Protein backbone atom coordinates (compact mmCIF):
# COMPACT_ATOMS: atom_id res chain seq x y z
CA MET A 1 131.78 27.96 105.38
CA ILE A 2 134.00 26.90 108.07
CA LEU A 3 137.85 25.93 108.38
CA ARG A 4 138.64 28.76 106.27
CA GLN A 5 141.08 31.04 108.50
CA ALA A 6 144.62 31.72 108.14
CA SER A 7 144.79 31.12 112.09
CA PRO A 8 143.29 28.30 113.21
CA LEU A 9 143.36 28.75 116.95
CA GLY A 10 141.57 32.29 115.98
CA ASP A 11 138.77 30.51 114.37
CA THR A 12 136.71 30.24 117.12
CA SER A 13 133.81 27.91 114.92
CA SER A 14 136.10 25.70 114.23
CA THR A 15 138.37 25.35 117.26
CA THR A 16 134.62 24.34 118.66
CA HIS A 17 133.54 21.94 115.83
CA TRP A 18 136.47 19.98 115.70
CA ARG A 19 137.97 20.34 119.19
CA ILE A 20 141.32 21.73 118.18
CA ASP A 21 142.01 22.85 122.04
CA ALA A 22 141.48 19.22 123.21
CA LEU A 23 145.16 18.72 121.35
CA ASP A 24 148.49 17.80 123.02
CA VAL A 25 150.89 18.83 119.98
CA ASP A 26 153.54 17.76 121.56
CA ALA A 27 152.38 14.33 122.28
CA TYR A 28 151.63 13.92 118.94
CA LEU A 29 154.54 15.00 117.56
CA ARG A 30 156.51 12.30 119.78
CA ARG A 31 154.41 10.04 119.07
CA VAL A 32 155.05 10.19 115.44
CA GLY A 33 158.69 10.75 115.70
CA HIS A 34 158.75 14.52 114.62
CA ARG A 35 160.92 17.30 116.33
CA ARG A 36 159.76 21.16 115.82
CA PRO A 37 159.90 23.17 114.41
CA THR A 38 156.46 22.80 112.41
CA ALA A 39 156.21 25.75 110.06
CA PRO A 40 152.80 25.34 107.90
CA ASP A 41 154.47 25.04 104.83
CA GLY A 42 154.60 22.03 102.10
CA ALA A 43 157.51 20.70 103.82
CA THR A 44 156.60 19.77 107.25
CA LEU A 45 153.25 18.59 105.76
CA ARG A 46 155.17 16.04 103.36
CA ASN A 47 157.40 14.98 106.39
CA LEU A 48 155.03 14.73 109.04
CA HIS A 49 152.28 12.82 106.70
CA ARG A 50 155.12 10.34 106.02
CA ALA A 51 155.86 10.32 110.27
CA HIS A 52 152.30 9.51 110.72
CA ILE A 53 152.24 7.03 108.70
CA ALA A 54 155.09 5.38 109.57
CA ALA A 55 153.85 5.22 113.35
CA ILE A 56 150.25 4.82 113.71
CA ILE A 57 148.57 1.70 111.95
CA PHE A 58 145.33 1.21 110.03
CA GLU A 59 143.42 -1.08 112.31
CA ASN A 60 139.71 -1.42 112.73
CA LEU A 61 140.54 -4.11 116.06
CA ASP A 62 138.11 -2.11 118.28
CA VAL A 63 135.33 -2.79 116.46
CA MET A 64 136.01 -6.54 116.19
CA LEU A 65 136.41 -6.08 120.52
CA GLY A 66 133.10 -4.93 120.63
CA ARG A 67 134.02 -1.34 121.46
CA GLY A 68 133.17 0.73 118.38
CA VAL A 69 134.90 3.68 117.66
CA GLU A 70 134.44 7.63 118.53
CA VAL A 71 135.84 10.33 116.19
CA ASP A 72 135.76 13.33 118.70
CA LEU A 73 139.02 14.31 118.46
CA PRO A 74 140.09 13.96 122.13
CA ARG A 75 138.96 10.36 121.62
CA VAL A 76 141.05 9.78 119.24
CA GLN A 77 143.68 11.31 120.91
CA ASP A 78 143.74 8.86 123.55
CA LYS A 79 143.64 6.02 121.51
CA LEU A 80 146.02 7.06 118.82
CA VAL A 81 148.42 8.77 120.68
CA HIS A 82 148.46 8.28 124.27
CA ALA A 83 147.28 4.66 124.29
CA GLY A 84 149.91 3.74 121.41
CA ARG A 85 146.99 2.11 119.18
CA GLY A 86 145.93 2.53 115.19
CA GLY A 87 142.32 3.00 113.79
CA TYR A 88 140.66 3.34 110.51
CA CYS A 89 140.16 6.29 108.10
CA TYR A 90 138.17 8.70 110.46
CA GLU A 91 140.12 8.41 113.18
CA HIS A 92 143.86 8.80 111.36
CA ASN A 93 142.22 12.09 109.65
CA VAL A 94 140.22 13.45 112.27
CA LEU A 95 143.75 13.31 114.23
CA PHE A 96 145.81 14.61 111.29
CA GLY A 97 143.55 17.30 110.14
CA GLY A 98 143.51 19.20 113.84
CA VAL A 99 147.28 19.16 114.00
CA LEU A 100 147.62 20.47 110.70
CA GLN A 101 144.83 22.94 111.69
CA HIS A 102 146.73 23.66 115.02
CA LEU A 103 149.89 24.41 113.40
CA GLY A 104 148.79 26.57 110.96
CA TYR A 105 147.44 25.30 107.96
CA ARG A 106 143.98 25.69 106.61
CA VAL A 107 142.31 22.60 106.55
CA ASP A 108 138.85 21.06 105.04
CA ARG A 109 137.33 17.48 105.69
CA LEU A 110 136.23 15.63 102.28
CA LEU A 111 134.44 12.53 102.34
CA ALA A 112 135.45 10.29 99.69
CA ARG A 113 134.10 7.41 97.91
CA THR A 114 136.62 3.89 97.30
CA GLY A 115 136.70 3.46 93.63
CA ASP A 116 135.16 5.02 90.54
CA PRO A 117 131.32 5.71 90.84
CA ALA A 118 131.43 5.57 86.84
CA GLU A 119 132.46 1.46 86.97
CA GLN A 120 130.53 1.21 90.80
CA PRO A 121 129.20 3.37 93.12
CA ARG A 122 129.69 3.45 96.69
CA PRO A 123 128.69 5.45 99.38
CA ARG A 124 130.99 8.10 100.91
CA SER A 125 132.54 6.41 103.39
CA HIS A 126 136.47 7.36 103.67
CA LEU A 127 137.54 10.75 104.99
CA VAL A 128 140.39 13.03 103.40
CA LEU A 129 142.06 16.08 103.97
CA ARG A 130 141.70 19.07 101.64
CA VAL A 131 144.75 21.02 103.03
CA ASP A 132 145.62 24.81 101.92
CA ASP A 133 149.94 25.81 103.09
CA GLY A 134 148.93 29.36 101.53
CA ASP A 135 151.28 28.38 98.34
CA GLN A 136 149.82 25.09 97.54
CA VAL A 137 146.88 23.22 98.26
CA TRP A 138 147.14 19.74 98.67
CA LEU A 139 145.27 16.11 99.25
CA ALA A 140 146.55 15.03 102.43
CA ASP A 141 145.29 11.47 103.41
CA VAL A 142 147.18 9.49 106.30
CA GLY A 143 144.11 7.02 107.00
CA PHE A 144 143.76 4.85 103.38
CA GLY A 145 146.09 1.85 105.11
CA SER A 146 147.73 1.33 101.55
CA GLY A 147 147.40 4.79 99.78
CA LEU A 148 149.44 7.73 99.70
CA LEU A 149 152.56 8.11 101.64
CA GLU A 150 153.00 11.54 101.13
CA PRO A 151 150.69 14.08 100.18
CA VAL A 152 149.76 15.48 96.77
CA PRO A 153 148.97 18.58 95.02
CA LEU A 154 145.51 18.94 94.45
CA VAL A 155 146.17 19.55 90.56
CA GLU A 156 146.29 17.60 87.01
CA ASP A 157 149.76 16.84 87.29
CA ALA A 158 152.06 14.29 85.68
CA PRO A 159 152.67 11.11 87.92
CA GLN A 160 154.18 11.07 91.01
CA ARG A 161 156.63 8.05 92.60
CA GLN A 162 156.45 7.68 96.14
CA GLY A 163 158.98 4.74 97.17
CA ALA A 164 157.95 2.03 94.95
CA TRP A 165 154.42 3.03 94.26
CA GLU A 166 153.46 5.77 91.88
CA TYR A 167 149.88 7.98 91.62
CA GLN A 168 148.14 10.60 89.97
CA LEU A 169 145.16 13.33 90.23
CA ARG A 170 142.51 13.53 87.32
CA ARG A 171 139.17 15.22 87.01
CA GLY A 172 136.53 13.11 85.50
CA THR A 173 133.34 14.39 83.55
CA ASP A 174 131.50 14.65 86.40
CA GLY A 175 134.07 17.11 87.97
CA ALA A 176 134.86 14.78 90.68
CA TRP A 177 138.78 13.89 91.91
CA ARG A 178 139.76 10.47 90.67
CA LEU A 179 142.84 9.55 92.79
CA GLN A 180 144.72 6.96 90.59
CA GLU A 181 147.82 4.37 91.79
CA ARG A 182 149.71 2.90 89.05
CA THR A 183 149.30 -1.12 88.53
CA ILE A 184 151.22 -2.95 86.47
CA ASP A 185 150.58 -1.54 83.30
CA THR A 186 147.16 0.37 83.99
CA TRP A 187 145.75 2.93 86.24
CA THR A 188 143.41 2.35 89.25
CA THR A 189 141.39 4.74 91.03
CA LEU A 190 141.46 4.43 94.44
CA LEU A 191 138.97 7.37 96.34
CA THR A 192 137.02 9.95 93.96
CA PHE A 193 135.78 12.78 95.90
CA THR A 194 134.54 16.44 95.67
CA GLU A 195 135.77 19.63 97.49
CA GLU A 196 132.78 19.87 99.54
CA PRO A 197 133.88 20.75 103.18
CA GLN A 198 132.08 18.30 105.70
CA TYR A 199 131.34 19.00 109.23
CA PRO A 200 131.60 16.55 112.21
CA VAL A 201 128.67 15.23 112.15
CA ASP A 202 129.23 14.30 108.39
CA VAL A 203 132.29 12.48 109.70
CA GLU A 204 130.22 11.14 113.04
CA PHE A 205 127.47 9.42 110.51
CA ALA A 206 129.79 8.14 107.87
CA ASN A 207 131.75 6.30 111.13
CA HIS A 208 128.82 4.81 112.21
CA ASN A 209 127.91 3.34 109.03
CA THR A 210 131.00 1.78 108.69
CA ALA A 211 131.59 0.51 112.42
CA THR A 212 128.35 -0.99 112.52
CA SER A 213 126.81 -2.01 109.03
CA PRO A 214 126.32 -5.16 108.42
CA TYR A 215 127.77 -4.88 104.68
CA SER A 216 130.54 -3.04 106.17
CA PRO A 217 133.69 -5.15 105.64
CA PHE A 218 135.14 -3.70 109.05
CA THR A 219 132.77 -5.33 111.20
CA GLN A 220 132.83 -8.81 109.38
CA GLN A 221 136.67 -9.33 110.32
CA CYS A 222 140.06 -7.87 111.88
CA ILE A 223 142.25 -5.77 109.11
CA VAL A 224 145.48 -4.34 109.93
CA VAL A 225 147.61 -2.71 107.36
CA HIS A 226 150.89 -0.71 107.12
CA LYS A 227 152.86 0.63 104.30
CA ASP A 228 156.03 1.94 103.86
CA ASP A 229 158.53 2.69 100.42
CA THR A 230 158.64 -0.76 99.54
CA THR A 231 155.87 -2.89 100.87
CA VAL A 232 152.29 -3.52 101.95
CA ARG A 233 151.88 -5.67 104.67
CA ARG A 234 148.08 -6.83 105.14
CA LEU A 235 146.80 -8.86 108.02
CA ILE A 236 143.16 -9.73 106.95
CA GLY A 237 141.17 -11.91 109.51
CA ARG A 238 143.99 -14.65 110.14
CA ASP A 239 145.73 -14.38 106.35
CA TYR A 240 148.86 -12.65 106.61
CA SER A 241 150.34 -10.57 103.66
CA LYS A 242 153.09 -9.16 101.61
CA GLU A 243 152.58 -7.57 98.80
CA ARG A 244 155.36 -5.70 96.59
CA PRO A 245 155.27 -3.82 93.43
CA GLY A 246 156.27 -6.46 90.29
CA ALA A 247 155.91 -9.25 92.57
CA ALA A 248 154.13 -12.34 93.82
CA THR A 249 152.08 -11.59 96.77
CA ARG A 250 153.08 -13.78 99.53
CA THR A 251 150.31 -14.75 102.05
CA ARG A 252 150.29 -17.03 105.13
CA THR A 253 147.53 -18.42 107.49
CA LEU A 254 148.29 -17.73 110.63
CA THR A 255 147.34 -20.45 113.55
CA ASP A 256 145.27 -19.40 116.77
CA GLU A 257 148.80 -19.26 118.70
CA GLU A 258 150.61 -16.98 115.56
CA TYR A 259 148.06 -13.98 116.20
CA GLY A 260 149.34 -11.80 118.80
CA ALA A 261 152.64 -12.14 117.81
CA VAL A 262 152.30 -11.11 114.59
CA LEU A 263 150.44 -8.27 115.52
CA ASN A 264 153.06 -7.15 117.75
CA ALA A 265 156.18 -8.31 115.89
CA GLU A 266 154.68 -7.04 112.53
CA PHE A 267 152.74 -4.12 113.11
CA GLY A 268 153.52 -3.05 117.01
CA LEU A 269 150.64 -3.53 118.20
CA ALA A 270 150.68 -4.90 121.41
CA LEU A 271 147.85 -6.11 123.04
CA SER A 272 146.22 -7.43 126.05
CA PRO A 273 146.71 -11.30 126.39
CA PRO A 274 142.28 -11.07 126.64
CA GLU A 275 142.26 -9.05 123.84
CA ILE A 276 144.25 -11.37 121.82
CA GLN A 277 141.68 -14.38 123.24
CA THR A 278 138.63 -12.11 122.05
CA LEU A 279 140.36 -11.20 118.25
CA VAL A 280 141.23 -14.85 118.03
CA ALA A 281 137.64 -16.25 118.68
CA THR A 282 136.31 -13.84 115.43
CA LEU A 283 138.41 -15.64 113.31
CA ALA A 284 137.08 -17.42 110.66
CA PRO A 285 138.87 -21.09 110.47
CA PRO A 286 141.25 -22.14 108.30
CA GLY A 287 139.81 -22.24 104.37
CA VAL A 288 137.05 -20.69 105.26
CA ASP A 289 136.47 -17.61 102.55
CA ARG A 290 136.20 -14.03 103.81
CA PRO A 291 136.36 -10.25 101.75
CA THR A 292 139.71 -10.13 99.98
CA ALA A 293 142.21 -7.08 100.40
CA PRO A 294 140.34 -5.57 96.95
CA ASP A 295 137.04 -5.78 98.51
CA LEU A 296 137.75 -3.99 101.68
CA GLU A 297 135.24 -1.18 101.08
CA LEU A 298 131.93 0.16 103.20
CA ARG A 299 128.82 -1.85 100.12
CA PRO A 300 125.70 -0.22 100.14
CA PRO A 301 122.81 -2.78 100.89
CA PRO A 302 121.05 -4.46 97.68
CA GLY A 303 119.37 -1.69 95.86
CA ASP A 304 120.50 0.74 97.44
CA ASN A 305 124.01 2.68 95.61
CA ASP A 306 124.90 5.54 97.33
CA ALA A 307 124.72 7.11 100.65
């Protein structure tokens, strides 16, 4: 098994596979606004997790721009750190996992299913991180868009509040973990995963499916999401919404002229005029239905319920 050495920089197979040697950690820390020291403990992990989510947006715009998505660490770093862009789960967690490993944490990359397979099986189309700081094992995930703000201990425990949101981890009868979020008077399963470590080739294959499949929401429309302690802001196609627990979701449909301004002002994505023009050309006309936020899952082709 790879990625189990206490000192990741001394683990040559891990460094080779995940390209940890390519990291510019100082540039990453500047990007997310986190200052050293960065001792590999629970406090640093929580602070980095929050800083990453606050600074780096969840978005699929390169897919809609026709560029595709690469998930090798050097290219992810160029995009998310040096170019100031966002990305989706594979990009976020490849970067974050590499940073944590460089700092001295033990990190396993895990592929998760969205939702609960007992209710509706979906492919393993989401990347999460199992992080060991030597005292505690954590679930970390900076790439869900509307998920965790902080890592949670990888144990069945009391629900944990993060800002206005509440989460818990539960094991199913199948032995898999469920990450659940409280929604009014019930718990909704966001993710289901096991602790089998993955290799870069597994992530590359899953990313290819997500970035190219006609059944993937990320090939159908622009998706931009950002969550903080009180609010989830979403730009799905041309519909911009704000969601707060216990309050009605406010949604408005953007005009072509408003689109670029909202990307910049609300999400900090300063794209060029030609890029904005290309994205606007992908938007459905007002009134045409596209998948809504709860449907932003990679779905299997008809007759194929697993990956």
